[in-house]
Amino acid sequence: MRPIFKIMSRAEWAAFQAEGEFGGSAVDLADGYIHFSAPDQAQETAAKHFAGRDDLVLLTLDADVLGDKLAWEPSRGGALFPHLYRPIALNEVAAWRDLPLGVDGAPQLGDLSE
């Protein structure tokens, strides 16, 4: 498995579970693809884009099963980030968990190598 991660609100996760598919957050829809992070990018993404949010979940997906609509494209500082150009199906989510806030106000993702 080659894990990639999606941070979303609990409300988005509940809607995703109810509908069986996630087309993206407002930012994803505006950009035309679903934003993900690799293990070495996810904590920085959480701190940069989700600081102060205590209503978040972390989804884990396997990049190897997402098909040819997953592209690794330059973003922050030229690093390649995974972007998915289609909705996510619920059965593609390998795992999920709530994200606690750290003392610095950033969501704490913990060890992503598991």
C-alpha atoms as a PDB file:
ATOM      1  CA  MET A   1       0.000   0.000   0.000  1.00  0.00           C
ATOM      2  CA  ARG A   2       1.172   3.513  -0.866  1.00  0.00           C
ATOM      3  CA  PRO A   3      -0.856   5.672   1.556  1.00  0.00           C
ATOM      4  CA  ILE A   4      -2.083   9.169   0.794  1.00  0.00           C
ATOM      5  CA  PHE A   5      -4.174  11.306   3.122  1.00  0.00           C
ATOM      6  CA  LYS A   6      -7.217  13.560   2.926  1.00  0.00           C
ATOM      7  CA  ILE A   7      -8.214  15.890   5.747  1.00  0.00           C
ATOM      8  CA  MET A   8     -11.884  16.814   5.905  1.00  0.00           C
ATOM      9  CA  SER A   9     -14.473  18.023   8.367  1.00  0.00           C
ATOM     10  CA  ARG A  10     -16.630  15.573  10.293  1.00  0.00           C
ATOM     11  CA  ALA A  11     -19.654  17.010   8.451  1.00  0.00           C
ATOM     12  CA  GLU A  12     -18.023  16.257   5.069  1.00  0.00           C
ATOM     13  CA  TRP A  13     -17.153  12.749   6.309  1.00  0.00           C
ATOM     14  CA  ALA A  14     -20.739  12.139   7.457  1.00  0.00           C
ATOM     15  CA  ALA A  15     -22.081  13.288   4.072  1.00  0.00           C
ATOM     16  CA  PHE A  16     -19.489  11.128   2.294  1.00  0.00           C
ATOM     17  CA  GLN A  17     -20.574   8.078   4.311  1.00  0.00           C
ATOM     18  CA  ALA A  18     -24.249   8.779   3.622  1.00  0.00           C
ATOM     19  CA  GLU A  19     -23.768   9.339  -0.112  1.00  0.00           C
ATOM     20  CA  GLY A  20     -21.046   6.746  -0.730  1.00  0.00           C
ATOM     21  CA  GLU A  21     -19.005   9.226  -2.751  1.00  0.00           C
ATOM     22  CA  PHE A  22     -17.071  12.449  -2.151  1.00  0.00           C
ATOM     23  CA  GLY A  23     -16.657  14.941  -4.972  1.00  0.00           C
ATOM     24  CA  GLY A  24     -14.475  17.285  -2.978  1.00  0.00           C
ATOM     25  CA  SER A  25     -14.463  20.165  -0.532  1.00  0.00           C
ATOM     26  CA  ALA A  26     -15.145  23.737  -1.668  1.00  0.00           C
ATOM     27  CA  VAL A  27     -11.411  24.206  -2.322  1.00  0.00           C
ATOM     28  CA  ASP A  28     -11.215  20.915  -4.236  1.00  0.00           C
ATOM     29  CA  LEU A  29     -14.206  21.843  -6.388  1.00  0.00           C
ATOM     30  CA  ALA A  30     -12.763  25.292  -7.124  1.00  0.00           C
ATOM     31  CA  ASP A  31      -9.411  23.766  -8.139  1.00  0.00           C
ATOM     32  CA  GLY A  32     -10.936  20.939 -10.198  1.00  0.00           C
ATOM     33  CA  TYR A  33      -9.385  18.047  -8.283  1.00  0.00           C
ATOM     34  CA  ILE A  34      -9.321  16.508  -4.811  1.00  0.00           C
ATOM     35  CA  HIS A  35      -6.241  17.495  -2.802  1.00  0.00           C
ATOM     36  CA  PHE A  36      -4.314  14.780  -0.962  1.00  0.00           C
ATOM     37  CA  SER A  37      -0.996  14.703   0.865  1.00  0.00           C
ATOM     38  CA  ALA A  38       1.736  12.094   0.996  1.00  0.00           C
ATOM     39  CA  PRO A  39       2.875  10.933   4.447  1.00  0.00           C
ATOM     40  CA  ASP A  40       5.750  13.436   4.565  1.00  0.00           C
ATOM     41  CA  GLN A  41       3.436  16.322   3.541  1.00  0.00           C
ATOM     42  CA  ALA A  42       0.306  15.716   5.597  1.00  0.00           C
ATOM     43  CA  GLN A  43       1.304  17.309   8.926  1.00  0.00           C
ATOM     44  CA  GLU A  44       2.446  20.505   7.173  1.00  0.00           C
ATOM     45  CA  THR A  45      -0.827  20.566   5.219  1.00  0.00           C
ATOM     46  CA  ALA A  46      -2.776  20.208   8.471  1.00  0.00           C
ATOM     47  CA  ALA A  47      -0.881  23.061  10.132  1.00  0.00           C
ATOM     48  CA  LYS A  48      -1.031  25.362   7.094  1.00  0.00           C
ATOM     49  CA  HIS A  49      -4.646  24.865   6.029  1.00  0.00           C
ATOM     50  CA  PHE A  50      -6.525  23.506   9.062  1.00  0.00           C
ATOM     51  CA  ALA A  51      -5.050  25.227  12.142  1.00  0.00           C
ATOM     52  CA  GLY A  52      -7.573  25.788  14.916  1.00  0.00           C
ATOM     53  CA  ARG A  53     -10.097  23.332  13.480  1.00  0.00           C
ATOM     54  CA  ASP A  54     -11.262  20.732  15.995  1.00  0.00           C
ATOM     55  CA  ASP A  55     -13.845  19.110  13.697  1.00  0.00           C
ATOM     56  CA  LEU A  56     -11.536  17.136  11.420  1.00  0.00           C
ATOM     57  CA  VAL A  57     -10.955  13.564  10.328  1.00  0.00           C
ATOM     58  CA  LEU A  58      -8.042  12.041   8.467  1.00  0.00           C
ATOM     59  CA  LEU A  59      -8.770   9.584   5.669  1.00  0.00           C
ATOM     60  CA  THR A  60      -6.171   7.119   4.417  1.00  0.00           C
ATOM     61  CA  LEU A  61      -6.370   5.851   0.862  1.00  0.00           C
ATOM     62  CA  ASP A  62      -4.064   3.647  -1.196  1.00  0.00           C
ATOM     63  CA  ALA A  63      -2.639   5.615  -4.128  1.00  0.00           C
ATOM     64  CA  ASP A  64      -2.047   2.357  -6.003  1.00  0.00           C
ATOM     65  CA  VAL A  65      -5.775   1.596  -6.300  1.00  0.00           C
ATOM     66  CA  LEU A  66      -7.006   5.038  -7.370  1.00  0.00           C
ATOM     67  CA  GLY A  67      -6.195   4.556 -11.040  1.00  0.00           C
ATOM     68  CA  ASP A  68      -4.999   6.889 -13.748  1.00  0.00           C
ATOM     69  CA  LYS A  69      -7.058   9.854 -12.513  1.00  0.00           C
ATOM     70  CA  LEU A  70      -4.527  10.310  -9.687  1.00  0.00           C
ATOM     71  CA  ALA A  71      -1.714  12.654 -10.695  1.00  0.00           C
ATOM     72  CA  TRP A  72       1.364  13.771  -8.758  1.00  0.00           C
ATOM     73  CA  GLU A  73       1.714  17.455  -9.531  1.00  0.00           C
ATOM     74  CA  PRO A  74       3.958  20.306  -8.339  1.00  0.00           C
ATOM     75  CA  SER A  75       2.569  22.450  -5.564  1.00  0.00           C
ATOM     76  CA  ARG A  76       4.063  23.909  -2.384  1.00  0.00           C
ATOM     77  CA  GLY A  77       7.750  24.613  -3.029  1.00  0.00           C
ATOM     78  CA  GLY A  78       7.723  22.424  -6.132  1.00  0.00           C
ATOM     79  CA  ALA A  79       6.935  19.252  -4.167  1.00  0.00           C
ATOM     80  CA  LEU A  80       4.744  16.717  -5.964  1.00  0.00           C
ATOM     81  CA  PHE A  81       1.331  16.357  -4.330  1.00  0.00           C
ATOM     82  CA  PRO A  82      -1.312  13.742  -5.184  1.00  0.00           C
ATOM     83  CA  HIS A  83      -4.385  15.186  -6.913  1.00  0.00           C
ATOM     84  CA  LEU A  84      -7.397  13.074  -7.858  1.00  0.00           C
ATOM     85  CA  TYR A  85      -9.448  14.115 -10.879  1.00  0.00           C
ATOM     86  CA  ARG A  86     -12.595  12.196  -9.960  1.00  0.00           C
ATOM     87  CA  PRO A  87     -14.757  11.595  -6.880  1.00  0.00           C
ATOM     88  CA  ILE A  88     -13.636   9.214  -4.145  1.00  0.00           C
ATOM     89  CA  ALA A  89     -15.769   6.121  -3.604  1.00  0.00           C
ATOM     90  CA  LEU A  90     -16.392   5.174   0.028  1.00  0.00           C
ATOM     91  CA  ASN A  91     -14.942   1.690  -0.520  1.00  0.00           C
ATOM     92  CA  GLU A  92     -11.618   3.315  -1.490  1.00  0.00           C
ATOM     93  CA  VAL A  93     -11.106   4.653   2.049  1.00  0.00           C
ATOM     94  CA  ALA A  94      -8.720   2.263   3.794  1.00  0.00           C
ATOM     95  CA  ALA A  95      -8.984   3.928   7.222  1.00  0.00           C
ATOM     96  CA  TRP A  96     -10.126   7.069   8.993  1.00  0.00           C
ATOM     97  CA  ARG A  97      -9.730   8.680  12.387  1.00  0.00           C
ATOM     98  CA  ASP A  98     -10.515  11.871  14.264  1.00  0.00           C
ATOM     99  CA  LEU A  99      -7.773  14.494  14.480  1.00  0.00           C
ATOM    100  CA  PRO A 100      -7.063  16.113  17.859  1.00  0.00           C
ATOM    101  CA  LEU A 101      -5.619  19.609  18.106  1.00  0.00           C
ATOM    102  CA  GLY A 102      -2.139  20.035  19.505  1.00  0.00           C
ATOM    103  CA  VAL A 103      -1.100  22.752  21.921  1.00  0.00           C
ATOM    104  CA  ASP A 104       0.074  24.774  18.900  1.00  0.00           C
ATOM    105  CA  GLY A 105      -3.469  24.733  17.461  1.00  0.00           C
ATOM    106  CA  ALA A 106      -2.565  22.450  14.553  1.00  0.00           C
ATOM    107  CA  PRO A 107      -4.337  19.126  14.016  1.00  0.00           C
ATOM    108  CA  GLN A 108      -2.034  16.305  15.142  1.00  0.00           C
ATOM    109  CA  LEU A 109      -1.790  13.482  12.633  1.00  0.00           C
ATOM    110  CA  GLY A 110       0.578  11.293  14.633  1.00  0.00           C
ATOM    111  CA  ASP A 111       2.613   8.508  13.067  1.00  0.00           C
ATOM    112  CA  LEU A 112       1.542   8.082   9.430  1.00  0.00           C
ATOM    113  CA  SER A 113       3.843   5.144   8.759  1.00  0.00           C
ATOM    114  CA  GLU A 114       1.443   2.622  10.316  1.00  0.00           C
END
